[in-house]
Each structure stands twice: as structure tokens, then as C-alpha cells.
């Protein structure tokens, strides 16, 4: 790669459905309590898609928000659309193709499935497309309708997840801005800890697959604490930085205890961490763009800030990156 070419995020938009389900609401339909959920996860509310609202709809709304923030020209020149999702409207056509059609983009389109780190994987793919010269601009989206695939009789999973979407444009940016490092990893040996059926009956090791999401919370928690540590340290080092150079830590919003453990390992004060898990729960691929937008709208991001993002999920997969934000930090929701 030519050292003068660097890709970065130049536009962002998000969407969370207006319907909110609180912990108190869940107390009415399952054996749980606000205290039990909050003390173990930090989650207080989650946004839930309407019965007739699906992942493509959420993605559309996030792109529309991006256009409101950045102007109609923001999509000019987009020649690839990537939608990272675990809950596509259909196995095919790709949800990305539905986005391409909705906004009449002259672009290729494909879906990416890497569980919760999917949005970071998507901007990593976008980075490679742009920096290689294959694409000019990539629309990278994380969108989820997870509440449609959880068993609402299973408090170990149903209380954790919410719906939402985040859309970003990745293109060439000038120094010193852009995506400074990208760490992607997977360990399929842990596949049996978090899974859901598509067309198979079982995993290669014989673990049966069901129609709802199934998770071994204890094992996923231990995995998450470990990889949030190693992946963030690696991403910071590969960006040529030290933890004190990180302006804002934007972790996957799955569990407050995991976020706190990662923050302490990096020795970052609480005011340099974005926490939205209380409002949204775990939005999987939409989690980090929603959290970045929350920080932008609160005036917590300035041009030149180094954002450290990290996520983990089924696969088992993980991803981390350091992004130096540009002057487009001013594009906040009115």
C-alpha cells in the first residue's frame, strides 16, 4: 500500500427503534427483575423493532440519518455496500443489495457475518478496498433485529439484546486522520458457546443447533474479558500509540462489567469511556456506531481524537481498531 493512502470514516448515521422495553417490562413476562439484570449486565432498557420492521428497514433509517447529518452528497461516489449483520432479512438476496437499491447506488453489495465484531470487520474490509484502490467510497453498515431471534422465555439471552443500526462511509482521508490499525481474530474452537441454526442441524463437534440463539454466558464472559484486553493492547501498539494517547474508548456494549475490566486494564479514567449499554443493551454489529454517535452528539469527540474500538462475539470472533477522527466530528444530530 502507498503510505500516502489512508482510509477513514467520513460520515456516520444511526437508528434505534422508538419502541423501548425496560427491565420492569420484562419482569411482567419472565422470571427476572430490574436488580438482577442491572447488577449483572448494566442494562436498563433496550430498543425493539416493530413487528413489521426488519434489518433492512433499520439499515435504511441509519443511512437516512447519515444523510441528514452530512448532506445528500455523502453517498456520492459510493461503489461498494457492506452490511454486517447476524439477522439478515433473508439468506439471499443480501441485505446490502436492498440498501443499494433503496438509495440507487452504482455499487457492488454483499453481507458480512462475523457476529458482534461485524461492523469493525466491515470497516476493515472497506479500508482494504479503499487503500488498494479498488473502491473510492464504501458504505459500511452494522444492522440488527436481534429481538426477533431470541427466546423470550429464556432470561439468559432475552434480557441482553436490542435492535438498531449504524451506517458509515469509508474513503480516503488526509493525514493525520483515518483508521490507524485493524486487529481481526477468530477461534472456531469456541463455536459451541454461542450459536443459532440456519440450515444445519448441529456444529461439527455435534452441538445441536436450535431456532433461537443459545449462549454459554459464563464462557463467553471469560473469553470477552481476555480478548478485550489483548486486542485493545495490540490495536494501540500497531497504531504506534500508547494507552494515554487514546482520547475515547468505545467498546462493544454487551456487559458493563466487561467494559470496566477492559478500561481498568488500559488504565483509562471513566470519563474517557463511552457507555450506552444501559440504554440500548447489546445491539451486536450496531453497538459501536451507536455508541460513537452518542459520543458525537454529546460533544465528546473532536477532530484529531484517537478512538479505540473493540468488540467480541460468536465464532468466537474479535476485532479492535484505532480511528483518528477528522473535522467531520462536527456533524452532530440537531
C-alpha atoms as a PDB file:
ATOM      1  CA  UNK A   1       0.000   0.000   0.000  1.00  0.00           C
ATOM      2  CA  UNK A   2       1.133   3.515  -0.732  1.00  0.00           C
ATOM      3  CA  UNK A   3       1.859   5.086   2.668  1.00  0.00           C
ATOM      4  CA  UNK A   4       0.169   8.290   1.485  1.00  0.00           C
ATOM      5  CA  UNK A   5      -3.175   6.493   1.113  1.00  0.00           C
ATOM      6  CA  UNK A   6      -5.204   6.001   4.261  1.00  0.00           C
ATOM      7  CA  UNK A   7      -8.883   5.219   4.655  1.00  0.00           C
ATOM      8  CA  UNK A   8     -11.037   6.775   7.318  1.00  0.00           C
ATOM      9  CA  UNK A   9     -14.636   7.239   8.373  1.00  0.00           C
ATOM     10  CA  UNK A  10     -16.043  10.468   6.958  1.00  0.00           C
ATOM     11  CA  UNK A  11     -19.756  10.122   7.708  1.00  0.00           C
ATOM     12  CA  UNK A  12     -21.920   8.329  10.250  1.00  0.00           C
ATOM     13  CA  UNK A  13     -25.626   7.870  10.915  1.00  0.00           C
ATOM     14  CA  UNK A  14     -27.568   5.680  13.338  1.00  0.00           C
ATOM     15  CA  UNK A  15     -31.040   4.456  14.164  1.00  0.00           C
ATOM     16  CA  UNK A  16     -32.684   2.806  17.154  1.00  0.00           C
ATOM     17  CA  UNK A  17     -36.369   1.842  17.008  1.00  0.00           C
ATOM     18  CA  UNK A  18     -38.672   4.073  19.077  1.00  0.00           C
ATOM     19  CA  UNK A  19     -40.208   1.151  20.972  1.00  0.00           C
ATOM     20  CA  UNK A  20     -38.431   0.690  24.300  1.00  0.00           C
ATOM     21  CA  UNK A  21     -38.649  -2.346  26.578  1.00  0.00           C
ATOM     22  CA  UNK A  22     -37.475  -1.684  30.130  1.00  0.00           C
ATOM     23  CA  UNK A  23     -36.333  -4.183  32.726  1.00  0.00           C
ATOM     24  CA  UNK A  24     -39.596  -3.518  34.539  1.00  0.00           C
ATOM     25  CA  UNK A  25     -41.468  -4.584  31.396  1.00  0.00           C
ATOM     26  CA  UNK A  26     -39.524  -7.852  31.327  1.00  0.00           C
ATOM     27  CA  UNK A  27     -40.438  -8.512  34.953  1.00  0.00           C
ATOM     28  CA  UNK A  28     -44.018  -8.909  33.742  1.00  0.00           C
ATOM     29  CA  UNK A  29     -43.265 -11.693  31.241  1.00  0.00           C
ATOM     30  CA  UNK A  30     -40.368 -13.718  32.701  1.00  0.00           C
ATOM     31  CA  UNK A  31     -38.705 -14.721  35.949  1.00  0.00           C
ATOM     32  CA  UNK A  32     -36.330 -11.794  36.304  1.00  0.00           C
ATOM     33  CA  UNK A  33     -36.004  -8.400  37.969  1.00  0.00           C
ATOM     34  CA  UNK A  34     -34.522  -5.000  37.273  1.00  0.00           C
ATOM     35  CA  UNK A  35     -31.972  -5.596  40.038  1.00  0.00           C
ATOM     36  CA  UNK A  36     -30.932  -8.979  38.623  1.00  0.00           C
ATOM     37  CA  UNK A  37     -30.426  -7.609  35.080  1.00  0.00           C
ATOM     38  CA  UNK A  38     -28.770  -4.338  36.076  1.00  0.00           C
ATOM     39  CA  UNK A  39     -26.352  -5.833  38.593  1.00  0.00           C
ATOM     40  CA  UNK A  40     -25.123  -8.479  36.151  1.00  0.00           C
ATOM     41  CA  UNK A  41     -25.085  -6.506  32.892  1.00  0.00           C
ATOM     42  CA  UNK A  42     -25.670  -2.782  33.421  1.00  0.00           C
ATOM     43  CA  UNK A  43     -28.624  -2.931  31.010  1.00  0.00           C
ATOM     44  CA  UNK A  44     -31.768  -0.971  31.925  1.00  0.00           C
ATOM     45  CA  UNK A  45     -33.602  -0.636  28.589  1.00  0.00           C
ATOM     46  CA  UNK A  46     -33.400  -1.908  25.038  1.00  0.00           C
ATOM     47  CA  UNK A  47     -34.929  -0.669  21.758  1.00  0.00           C
ATOM     48  CA  UNK A  48     -37.079  -3.213  19.933  1.00  0.00           C
ATOM     49  CA  UNK A  49     -38.063  -3.290  16.259  1.00  0.00           C
ATOM     50  CA  UNK A  50     -41.765  -3.281  15.414  1.00  0.00           C
ATOM     51  CA  UNK A  51     -43.372  -6.496  14.196  1.00  0.00           C
ATOM     52  CA  UNK A  52     -43.176  -5.272  10.593  1.00  0.00           C
ATOM     53  CA  UNK A  53     -39.710  -3.696  10.925  1.00  0.00           C
ATOM     54  CA  UNK A  54     -36.702  -5.748   9.845  1.00  0.00           C
ATOM     55  CA  UNK A  55     -32.949  -5.400   9.483  1.00  0.00           C
ATOM     56  CA  UNK A  56     -33.154  -3.711   6.065  1.00  0.00           C
ATOM     57  CA  UNK A  57     -35.575  -1.132   7.499  1.00  0.00           C
ATOM     58  CA  UNK A  58     -33.160  -0.364  10.328  1.00  0.00           C
ATOM     59  CA  UNK A  59     -30.292  -0.010   7.861  1.00  0.00           C
ATOM     60  CA  UNK A  60     -32.366   2.345   5.686  1.00  0.00           C
ATOM     61  CA  UNK A  61     -33.103   4.577   8.689  1.00  0.00           C
ATOM     62  CA  UNK A  62     -29.418   4.703   9.679  1.00  0.00           C
ATOM     63  CA  UNK A  63     -28.412   5.778   6.154  1.00  0.00           C
ATOM     64  CA  UNK A  64     -31.148   8.428   6.173  1.00  0.00           C
ATOM     65  CA  UNK A  65     -29.715   9.756   9.451  1.00  0.00           C
ATOM     66  CA  UNK A  66     -26.260   9.834   7.864  1.00  0.00           C
ATOM     67  CA  UNK A  67     -27.659  11.967   5.033  1.00  0.00           C
ATOM     68  CA  UNK A  68     -29.337  14.337   7.496  1.00  0.00           C
ATOM     69  CA  UNK A  69     -26.078  14.819   9.355  1.00  0.00           C
ATOM     70  CA  UNK A  70     -23.748  15.119   6.363  1.00  0.00           C
ATOM     71  CA  UNK A  71     -25.897  16.152   3.405  1.00  0.00           C
ATOM     72  CA  UNK A  72     -27.198  14.351   0.334  1.00  0.00           C
ATOM     73  CA  UNK A  73     -23.740  14.384  -1.240  1.00  0.00           C
ATOM     74  CA  UNK A  74     -22.379  11.993   1.391  1.00  0.00           C
ATOM     75  CA  UNK A  75     -23.214   8.944  -0.719  1.00  0.00           C
ATOM     76  CA  UNK A  76     -21.871  10.390  -3.982  1.00  0.00           C
ATOM     77  CA  UNK A  77     -19.271   8.016  -5.386  1.00  0.00           C
ATOM     78  CA  UNK A  78     -20.095   5.051  -3.137  1.00  0.00           C
ATOM     79  CA  UNK A  79     -19.116   1.984  -5.147  1.00  0.00           C
ATOM     80  CA  UNK A  80     -19.464  -0.777  -2.544  1.00  0.00           C
ATOM     81  CA  UNK A  81     -22.042  -1.504   0.156  1.00  0.00           C
ATOM     82  CA  UNK A  82     -21.271  -3.864   3.036  1.00  0.00           C
ATOM     83  CA  UNK A  83     -23.896  -4.776   5.619  1.00  0.00           C
ATOM     84  CA  UNK A  84     -22.591  -6.607   8.679  1.00  0.00           C
ATOM     85  CA  UNK A  85     -25.498  -8.444  10.276  1.00  0.00           C
ATOM     86  CA  UNK A  86     -26.427 -11.650  12.073  1.00  0.00           C
ATOM     87  CA  UNK A  87     -30.120 -11.166  11.298  1.00  0.00           C
ATOM     88  CA  UNK A  88     -30.462 -10.567   7.543  1.00  0.00           C
ATOM     89  CA  UNK A  89     -33.950 -10.243   6.107  1.00  0.00           C
ATOM     90  CA  UNK A  90     -33.117 -13.324   4.008  1.00  0.00           C
ATOM     91  CA  UNK A  91     -30.119 -15.568   3.390  1.00  0.00           C
ATOM     92  CA  UNK A  92     -30.346 -14.129  -0.103  1.00  0.00           C
ATOM     93  CA  UNK A  93     -30.695 -11.565  -1.503  1.00  0.00           C
ATOM     94  CA  UNK A  94     -28.099  -9.779   0.610  1.00  0.00           C
ATOM     95  CA  UNK A  95     -29.425  -7.020   2.838  1.00  0.00           C
ATOM     96  CA  UNK A  96     -26.667  -4.874   1.310  1.00  0.00           C
ATOM     97  CA  UNK A  97     -28.310  -5.270  -2.103  1.00  0.00           C
ATOM     98  CA  UNK A  98     -31.556  -3.958  -0.627  1.00  0.00           C
ATOM     99  CA  UNK A  99     -29.674  -0.895   0.659  1.00  0.00           C
ATOM    100  CA  UNK A 100     -28.026  -0.425  -2.739  1.00  0.00           C
ATOM    101  CA  UNK A 101     -31.414  -0.429  -4.444  1.00  0.00           C
ATOM    102  CA  UNK A 102     -33.091   1.814  -1.879  1.00  0.00           C
ATOM    103  CA  UNK A 103     -30.525   4.588  -2.363  1.00  0.00           C
ATOM    104  CA  UNK A 104     -29.932   3.916  -6.101  1.00  0.00           C
ATOM    105  CA  UNK A 105     -26.184   3.446  -5.693  1.00  0.00           C
ATOM    106  CA  UNK A 106     -24.000   2.308  -8.580  1.00  0.00           C
ATOM    107  CA  UNK A 107     -22.198  -0.143  -6.331  1.00  0.00           C
ATOM    108  CA  UNK A 108     -21.408  -3.730  -5.536  1.00  0.00           C
ATOM    109  CA  UNK A 109     -23.044  -5.120  -2.409  1.00  0.00           C
ATOM    110  CA  UNK A 110     -22.548  -8.006  -0.015  1.00  0.00           C
ATOM    111  CA  UNK A 111     -23.387  -9.040   3.533  1.00  0.00           C
ATOM    112  CA  UNK A 112     -20.727  -9.876   6.113  1.00  0.00           C
ATOM    113  CA  UNK A 113     -21.302 -12.249   9.027  1.00  0.00           C
ATOM    114  CA  UNK A 114     -18.758 -12.048  11.849  1.00  0.00           C
ATOM    115  CA  UNK A 115     -21.152 -11.785  14.824  1.00  0.00           C
ATOM    116  CA  UNK A 116     -20.871  -8.740  17.091  1.00  0.00           C
ATOM    117  CA  UNK A 117     -17.486  -7.534  15.725  1.00  0.00           C
ATOM    118  CA  UNK A 118     -19.067  -7.424  12.255  1.00  0.00           C
ATOM    119  CA  UNK A 119     -19.039  -3.630  11.915  1.00  0.00           C
ATOM    120  CA  UNK A 120     -15.317  -3.475  12.697  1.00  0.00           C
ATOM    121  CA  UNK A 121     -14.759  -6.304  10.196  1.00  0.00           C
ATOM    122  CA  UNK A 122     -16.795  -4.267   7.687  1.00  0.00           C
ATOM    123  CA  UNK A 123     -14.745  -1.100   8.094  1.00  0.00           C
ATOM    124  CA  UNK A 124     -11.640  -3.293   7.904  1.00  0.00           C
ATOM    125  CA  UNK A 125     -12.828  -4.654   4.559  1.00  0.00           C
ATOM    126  CA  UNK A 126     -13.729  -1.122   3.465  1.00  0.00           C
ATOM    127  CA  UNK A 127     -10.268   0.058   4.450  1.00  0.00           C
ATOM    128  CA  UNK A 128      -8.696  -2.634   2.292  1.00  0.00           C
ATOM    129  CA  UNK A 129     -10.951  -1.802  -0.688  1.00  0.00           C
ATOM    130  CA  UNK A 130     -10.139   1.915  -0.472  1.00  0.00           C
ATOM    131  CA  UNK A 131      -6.434   1.692   0.256  1.00  0.00           C
ATOM    132  CA  UNK A 132      -5.905  -0.846  -2.553  1.00  0.00           C
ATOM    133  CA  UNK A 133      -7.629   1.494  -4.989  1.00  0.00           C
ATOM    134  CA  UNK A 134     -10.398  -0.998  -5.814  1.00  0.00           C
ATOM    135  CA  UNK A 135     -13.098   1.286  -4.397  1.00  0.00           C
ATOM    136  CA  UNK A 136     -13.463   5.013  -3.974  1.00  0.00           C
ATOM    137  CA  UNK A 137     -16.058   5.036  -1.191  1.00  0.00           C
ATOM    138  CA  UNK A 138     -17.606   2.211   0.809  1.00  0.00           C
ATOM    139  CA  UNK A 139     -20.862   2.344   2.747  1.00  0.00           C
ATOM    140  CA  UNK A 140     -20.301   0.045   5.739  1.00  0.00           C
ATOM    141  CA  UNK A 141     -23.321  -0.718   7.903  1.00  0.00           C
ATOM    142  CA  UNK A 142     -23.979  -2.712  11.057  1.00  0.00           C
ATOM    143  CA  UNK A 143     -27.677  -3.556  11.462  1.00  0.00           C
ATOM    144  CA  UNK A 144     -29.509  -5.988  13.731  1.00  0.00           C
ATOM    145  CA  UNK A 145     -33.022  -7.161  14.566  1.00  0.00           C
ATOM    146  CA  UNK A 146     -31.822  -9.476  17.328  1.00  0.00           C
ATOM    147  CA  UNK A 147     -35.024  -9.387  19.344  1.00  0.00           C
ATOM    148  CA  UNK A 148     -36.607 -11.460  16.567  1.00  0.00           C
ATOM    149  CA  UNK A 149     -34.226 -14.391  17.173  1.00  0.00           C
ATOM    150  CA  UNK A 150     -34.135 -14.612  20.974  1.00  0.00           C
ATOM    151  CA  UNK A 151     -36.308 -16.911  23.051  1.00  0.00           C
ATOM    152  CA  UNK A 152     -38.404 -14.578  25.202  1.00  0.00           C
ATOM    153  CA  UNK A 153     -38.811 -17.392  27.730  1.00  0.00           C
ATOM    154  CA  UNK A 154     -35.041 -17.564  28.255  1.00  0.00           C
ATOM    155  CA  UNK A 155     -33.891 -14.831  30.596  1.00  0.00           C
ATOM    156  CA  UNK A 156     -30.223 -15.694  29.995  1.00  0.00           C
ATOM    157  CA  UNK A 157     -30.423 -14.236  26.470  1.00  0.00           C
ATOM    158  CA  UNK A 158     -33.675 -12.281  26.049  1.00  0.00           C
ATOM    159  CA  UNK A 159     -32.728  -9.589  28.570  1.00  0.00           C
ATOM    160  CA  UNK A 160     -29.434  -8.836  26.815  1.00  0.00           C
ATOM    161  CA  UNK A 161     -30.247  -7.800  23.271  1.00  0.00           C
ATOM    162  CA  UNK A 162     -31.759  -4.864  21.420  1.00  0.00           C
ATOM    163  CA  UNK A 163     -32.199  -3.714  17.829  1.00  0.00           C
ATOM    164  CA  UNK A 164     -30.580  -0.896  15.874  1.00  0.00           C
ATOM    165  CA  UNK A 165     -28.278   0.128  13.039  1.00  0.00           C
ATOM    166  CA  UNK A 166     -25.266   2.291  12.272  1.00  0.00           C
ATOM    167  CA  UNK A 167     -24.076   3.412   8.819  1.00  0.00           C
ATOM    168  CA  UNK A 168     -20.632   4.769   7.971  1.00  0.00           C
ATOM    169  CA  UNK A 169     -18.855   5.997   4.845  1.00  0.00           C
ATOM    170  CA  UNK A 170     -15.214   4.954   4.475  1.00  0.00           C
ATOM    171  CA  UNK A 171     -12.997   6.737   1.951  1.00  0.00           C
ATOM    172  CA  UNK A 172      -9.560   8.298   1.551  1.00  0.00           C
ATOM    173  CA  UNK A 173      -8.724  10.902   4.190  1.00  0.00           C
ATOM    174  CA  UNK A 174      -5.714  13.187   4.689  1.00  0.00           C
ATOM    175  CA  UNK A 175      -3.114  12.770   7.375  1.00  0.00           C
ATOM    176  CA  UNK A 176      -3.258  12.618  10.343  1.00  0.00           C
ATOM    177  CA  UNK A 177      -6.788  11.190  10.211  1.00  0.00           C
ATOM    178  CA  UNK A 178      -8.065   7.720   9.411  1.00  0.00           C
ATOM    179  CA  UNK A 179      -8.082   4.109  10.532  1.00  0.00           C
ATOM    180  CA  UNK A 180      -4.632   3.677  12.080  1.00  0.00           C
ATOM    181  CA  UNK A 181      -4.785  -0.012  12.991  1.00  0.00           C
ATOM    182  CA  UNK A 182      -7.014  -3.040  12.483  1.00  0.00           C
ATOM    183  CA  UNK A 183      -6.920  -6.253  14.547  1.00  0.00           C
ATOM    184  CA  UNK A 184      -9.192  -9.133  13.482  1.00  0.00           C
ATOM    185  CA  UNK A 185      -9.293 -12.599  15.019  1.00  0.00           C
ATOM    186  CA  UNK A 186     -11.296 -15.779  15.426  1.00  0.00           C
ATOM    187  CA  UNK A 187     -11.271 -19.029  17.395  1.00  0.00           C
ATOM    188  CA  UNK A 188     -13.753 -21.514  15.972  1.00  0.00           C
ATOM    189  CA  UNK A 189     -12.938 -23.848  18.843  1.00  0.00           C
ATOM    190  CA  UNK A 190     -15.383 -21.819  20.905  1.00  0.00           C
ATOM    191  CA  UNK A 191     -18.227 -22.023  18.372  1.00  0.00           C
ATOM    192  CA  UNK A 192     -20.373 -24.137  20.699  1.00  0.00           C
ATOM    193  CA  UNK A 193     -20.529 -21.335  23.285  1.00  0.00           C
ATOM    194  CA  UNK A 194     -22.735 -19.021  21.168  1.00  0.00           C
ATOM    195  CA  UNK A 195     -24.774 -20.198  18.192  1.00  0.00           C
ATOM    196  CA  UNK A 196     -28.061 -20.321  16.285  1.00  0.00           C
ATOM    197  CA  UNK A 197     -29.281 -22.538  13.455  1.00  0.00           C
ATOM    198  CA  UNK A 198     -29.550 -21.599   9.800  1.00  0.00           C
ATOM    199  CA  UNK A 199     -29.596 -24.668   7.529  1.00  0.00           C
ATOM    200  CA  UNK A 200     -27.536 -27.041   9.682  1.00  0.00           C
ATOM    201  CA  UNK A 201     -28.686 -29.392  12.432  1.00  0.00           C
ATOM    202  CA  UNK A 202     -25.513 -29.282  14.506  1.00  0.00           C
ATOM    203  CA  UNK A 203     -21.979 -27.900  14.666  1.00  0.00           C
ATOM    204  CA  UNK A 204     -19.079 -30.113  13.513  1.00  0.00           C
ATOM    205  CA  UNK A 205     -18.468 -31.149  17.128  1.00  0.00           C
ATOM    206  CA  UNK A 206     -22.042 -32.371  17.426  1.00  0.00           C
ATOM    207  CA  UNK A 207     -23.512 -29.431  19.352  1.00  0.00           C
ATOM    208  CA  UNK A 208     -27.194 -29.260  18.309  1.00  0.00           C
ATOM    209  CA  UNK A 209     -28.412 -26.036  16.707  1.00  0.00           C
ATOM    210  CA  UNK A 210     -31.811 -24.581  17.607  1.00  0.00           C
ATOM    211  CA  UNK A 211     -34.086 -21.947  16.108  1.00  0.00           C
ATOM    212  CA  UNK A 212     -33.207 -19.463  18.878  1.00  0.00           C
ATOM    213  CA  UNK A 213     -29.889 -18.019  19.951  1.00  0.00           C
ATOM    214  CA  UNK A 214     -28.117 -20.158  22.566  1.00  0.00           C
ATOM    215  CA  UNK A 215     -25.247 -18.918  24.723  1.00  0.00           C
ATOM    216  CA  UNK A 216     -22.966 -20.207  27.461  1.00  0.00           C
ATOM    217  CA  UNK A 217     -22.772 -16.884  29.261  1.00  0.00           C
ATOM    218  CA  UNK A 218     -20.000 -17.860  31.673  1.00  0.00           C
ATOM    219  CA  UNK A 219     -17.633 -18.982  28.920  1.00  0.00           C
ATOM    220  CA  UNK A 220     -18.418 -16.025  26.663  1.00  0.00           C
ATOM    221  CA  UNK A 221     -17.777 -13.671  29.592  1.00  0.00           C
ATOM    222  CA  UNK A 222     -14.332 -15.196  30.251  1.00  0.00           C
ATOM    223  CA  UNK A 223     -13.475 -15.073  26.547  1.00  0.00           C
ATOM    224  CA  UNK A 224     -14.638 -11.455  26.261  1.00  0.00           C
ATOM    225  CA  UNK A 225     -12.559 -10.215  29.197  1.00  0.00           C
ATOM    226  CA  UNK A 226      -9.475 -11.902  27.751  1.00  0.00           C
ATOM    227  CA  UNK A 227      -9.767 -10.706  24.152  1.00  0.00           C
ATOM    228  CA  UNK A 228     -10.907  -7.174  25.081  1.00  0.00           C
ATOM    229  CA  UNK A 229      -7.544  -6.948  26.844  1.00  0.00           C
ATOM    230  CA  UNK A 230      -5.274  -8.484  24.222  1.00  0.00           C
ATOM    231  CA  UNK A 231      -6.985  -6.995  21.158  1.00  0.00           C
ATOM    232  CA  UNK A 232      -7.027  -3.433  22.510  1.00  0.00           C
ATOM    233  CA  UNK A 233      -3.384  -3.567  23.563  1.00  0.00           C
ATOM    234  CA  UNK A 234      -2.450  -4.891  20.114  1.00  0.00           C
ATOM    235  CA  UNK A 235      -4.512  -2.256  18.272  1.00  0.00           C
ATOM    236  CA  UNK A 236      -2.986   0.597  20.261  1.00  0.00           C
ATOM    237  CA  UNK A 237       0.550  -0.706  19.682  1.00  0.00           C
ATOM    238  CA  UNK A 238       0.003  -1.250  15.943  1.00  0.00           C
ATOM    239  CA  UNK A 239      -1.235   2.340  15.668  1.00  0.00           C
ATOM    240  CA  UNK A 240       2.088   3.468  17.130  1.00  0.00           C
ATOM    241  CA  UNK A 241       0.391   4.813  20.250  1.00  0.00           C
ATOM    242  CA  UNK A 242       0.243   4.163  23.982  1.00  0.00           C
ATOM    243  CA  UNK A 243      -2.973   3.933  26.051  1.00  0.00           C
ATOM    244  CA  UNK A 244      -2.613   7.532  27.224  1.00  0.00           C
ATOM    245  CA  UNK A 245      -2.926   8.649  23.590  1.00  0.00           C
ATOM    246  CA  UNK A 246      -6.466   7.247  23.429  1.00  0.00           C
ATOM    247  CA  UNK A 247      -8.988  10.083  23.613  1.00  0.00           C
ATOM    248  CA  UNK A 248     -12.057   7.846  23.839  1.00  0.00           C
ATOM    249  CA  UNK A 249     -12.533   4.119  24.368  1.00  0.00           C
ATOM    250  CA  UNK A 250     -15.636   2.838  22.555  1.00  0.00           C
ATOM    251  CA  UNK A 251     -16.113  -0.838  23.452  1.00  0.00           C
ATOM    252  CA  UNK A 252     -18.782  -3.291  22.381  1.00  0.00           C
ATOM    253  CA  UNK A 253     -21.800  -2.642  24.589  1.00  0.00           C
ATOM    254  CA  UNK A 254     -22.570  -6.132  25.895  1.00  0.00           C
ATOM    255  CA  UNK A 255     -21.888  -6.005  29.612  1.00  0.00           C
ATOM    256  CA  UNK A 256     -20.802  -3.187  31.918  1.00  0.00           C
ATOM    257  CA  UNK A 257     -18.537  -5.465  33.946  1.00  0.00           C
ATOM    258  CA  UNK A 258     -16.617  -6.443  30.799  1.00  0.00           C
ATOM    259  CA  UNK A 259     -16.299  -2.777  29.806  1.00  0.00           C
ATOM    260  CA  UNK A 260     -14.998  -1.837  33.264  1.00  0.00           C
ATOM    261  CA  UNK A 261     -12.435  -4.658  33.223  1.00  0.00           C
ATOM    262  CA  UNK A 262     -11.101  -3.511  29.835  1.00  0.00           C
ATOM    263  CA  UNK A 263     -10.998   0.126  30.930  1.00  0.00           C
ATOM    264  CA  UNK A 264      -9.028  -0.744  34.062  1.00  0.00           C
ATOM    265  CA  UNK A 265      -6.543  -2.817  32.063  1.00  0.00           C
ATOM    266  CA  UNK A 266      -5.920   0.198  29.816  1.00  0.00           C
ATOM    267  CA  UNK A 267      -5.768   2.469  32.888  1.00  0.00           C
ATOM    268  CA  UNK A 268      -8.264   4.875  31.361  1.00  0.00           C
ATOM    269  CA  UNK A 269     -10.474   7.068  33.576  1.00  0.00           C
ATOM    270  CA  UNK A 270     -14.257   6.578  33.286  1.00  0.00           C
ATOM    271  CA  UNK A 271     -14.692   9.929  31.501  1.00  0.00           C
ATOM    272  CA  UNK A 272     -12.721   8.539  28.524  1.00  0.00           C
ATOM    273  CA  UNK A 273     -15.063   5.574  28.023  1.00  0.00           C
ATOM    274  CA  UNK A 274     -18.379   5.555  26.147  1.00  0.00           C
ATOM    275  CA  UNK A 275     -21.103   3.524  27.876  1.00  0.00           C
ATOM    276  CA  UNK A 276     -24.519   3.093  26.255  1.00  0.00           C
ATOM    277  CA  UNK A 277     -25.303  -0.468  27.353  1.00  0.00           C
ATOM    278  CA  UNK A 278     -27.799   0.880  29.896  1.00  0.00           C
ATOM    279  CA  UNK A 279     -29.925   2.437  27.121  1.00  0.00           C
ATOM    280  CA  UNK A 280     -29.537   0.018  24.204  1.00  0.00           C
ATOM    281  CA  UNK A 281     -28.405  -3.325  25.570  1.00  0.00           C
ATOM    282  CA  UNK A 282     -26.341  -5.405  23.153  1.00  0.00           C
ATOM    283  CA  UNK A 283     -27.008  -4.315  19.548  1.00  0.00           C
ATOM    284  CA  UNK A 284     -24.285  -6.598  18.159  1.00  0.00           C
ATOM    285  CA  UNK A 285     -22.931  -5.073  14.917  1.00  0.00           C
ATOM    286  CA  UNK A 286     -24.779  -1.786  15.557  1.00  0.00           C
ATOM    287  CA  UNK A 287     -23.385  -1.402  19.061  1.00  0.00           C
ATOM    288  CA  UNK A 288     -20.217   0.586  18.352  1.00  0.00           C
ATOM    289  CA  UNK A 289     -21.568   3.003  15.702  1.00  0.00           C
ATOM    290  CA  UNK A 290     -24.495   3.771  18.031  1.00  0.00           C
ATOM    291  CA  UNK A 291     -22.031   4.454  20.848  1.00  0.00           C
ATOM    292  CA  UNK A 292     -19.837   6.677  18.644  1.00  0.00           C
ATOM    293  CA  UNK A 293     -22.908   8.679  17.570  1.00  0.00           C
ATOM    294  CA  UNK A 294     -23.902   9.061  21.217  1.00  0.00           C
ATOM    295  CA  UNK A 295     -20.452  10.492  21.992  1.00  0.00           C
ATOM    296  CA  UNK A 296     -20.551  12.784  18.948  1.00  0.00           C
ATOM    297  CA  UNK A 297     -23.966  14.163  19.885  1.00  0.00           C
ATOM    298  CA  UNK A 298     -22.754  14.799  23.434  1.00  0.00           C
ATOM    299  CA  UNK A 299     -19.780  16.825  22.105  1.00  0.00           C
ATOM    300  CA  UNK A 300     -17.264  14.266  23.369  1.00  0.00           C
ATOM    301  CA  UNK A 301     -15.413  13.834  20.043  1.00  0.00           C
ATOM    302  CA  UNK A 302     -13.184  16.462  18.440  1.00  0.00           C
ATOM    303  CA  UNK A 303     -11.089  16.453  15.271  1.00  0.00           C
ATOM    304  CA  UNK A 304      -7.828  14.638  15.915  1.00  0.00           C
ATOM    305  CA  UNK A 305      -9.191  12.442  18.707  1.00  0.00           C
ATOM    306  CA  UNK A 306      -7.996   8.847  18.760  1.00  0.00           C
ATOM    307  CA  UNK A 307     -10.927   6.450  19.206  1.00  0.00           C
ATOM    308  CA  UNK A 308     -10.194   2.891  20.298  1.00  0.00           C
ATOM    309  CA  UNK A 309     -12.979   0.456  19.350  1.00  0.00           C
ATOM    310  CA  UNK A 310     -13.183  -3.232  20.264  1.00  0.00           C
ATOM    311  CA  UNK A 311     -15.759  -5.997  20.011  1.00  0.00           C
ATOM    312  CA  UNK A 312     -16.195  -9.746  20.547  1.00  0.00           C
ATOM    313  CA  UNK A 313     -18.837 -12.296  19.638  1.00  0.00           C
ATOM    314  CA  UNK A 314     -19.887 -15.667  18.273  1.00  0.00           C
ATOM    315  CA  UNK A 315     -17.390 -17.571  16.211  1.00  0.00           C
ATOM    316  CA  UNK A 316     -15.740 -16.918  18.519  1.00  0.00           C
ATOM    317  CA  UNK A 317     -14.558 -13.667  16.899  1.00  0.00           C
ATOM    318  CA  UNK A 318     -12.971 -10.423  17.987  1.00  0.00           C
ATOM    319  CA  UNK A 319     -11.866  -7.131  16.446  1.00  0.00           C
ATOM    320  CA  UNK A 320     -10.260  -3.865  17.500  1.00  0.00           C
ATOM    321  CA  UNK A 321      -9.155  -0.697  15.733  1.00  0.00           C
ATOM    322  CA  UNK A 322      -7.809   2.779  16.375  1.00  0.00           C
ATOM    323  CA  UNK A 323      -9.514   5.547  14.395  1.00  0.00           C
ATOM    324  CA  UNK A 324      -8.316   9.156  14.355  1.00  0.00           C
ATOM    325  CA  UNK A 325     -11.468  11.231  13.854  1.00  0.00           C
ATOM    326  CA  UNK A 326     -11.476  14.118  11.407  1.00  0.00           C
ATOM    327  CA  UNK A 327     -13.165  17.529  11.100  1.00  0.00           C
ATOM    328  CA  UNK A 328     -16.440  15.735  10.335  1.00  0.00           C
ATOM    329  CA  UNK A 329     -16.793  15.388  14.131  1.00  0.00           C
ATOM    330  CA  UNK A 330     -18.993  18.468  13.928  1.00  0.00           C
ATOM    331  CA  UNK A 331     -21.731  16.556  12.071  1.00  0.00           C
ATOM    332  CA  UNK A 332     -23.942  16.031  15.111  1.00  0.00           C
ATOM    333  CA  UNK A 333     -27.621  15.399  15.303  1.00  0.00           C
ATOM    334  CA  UNK A 334     -29.517  18.646  15.763  1.00  0.00           C
END
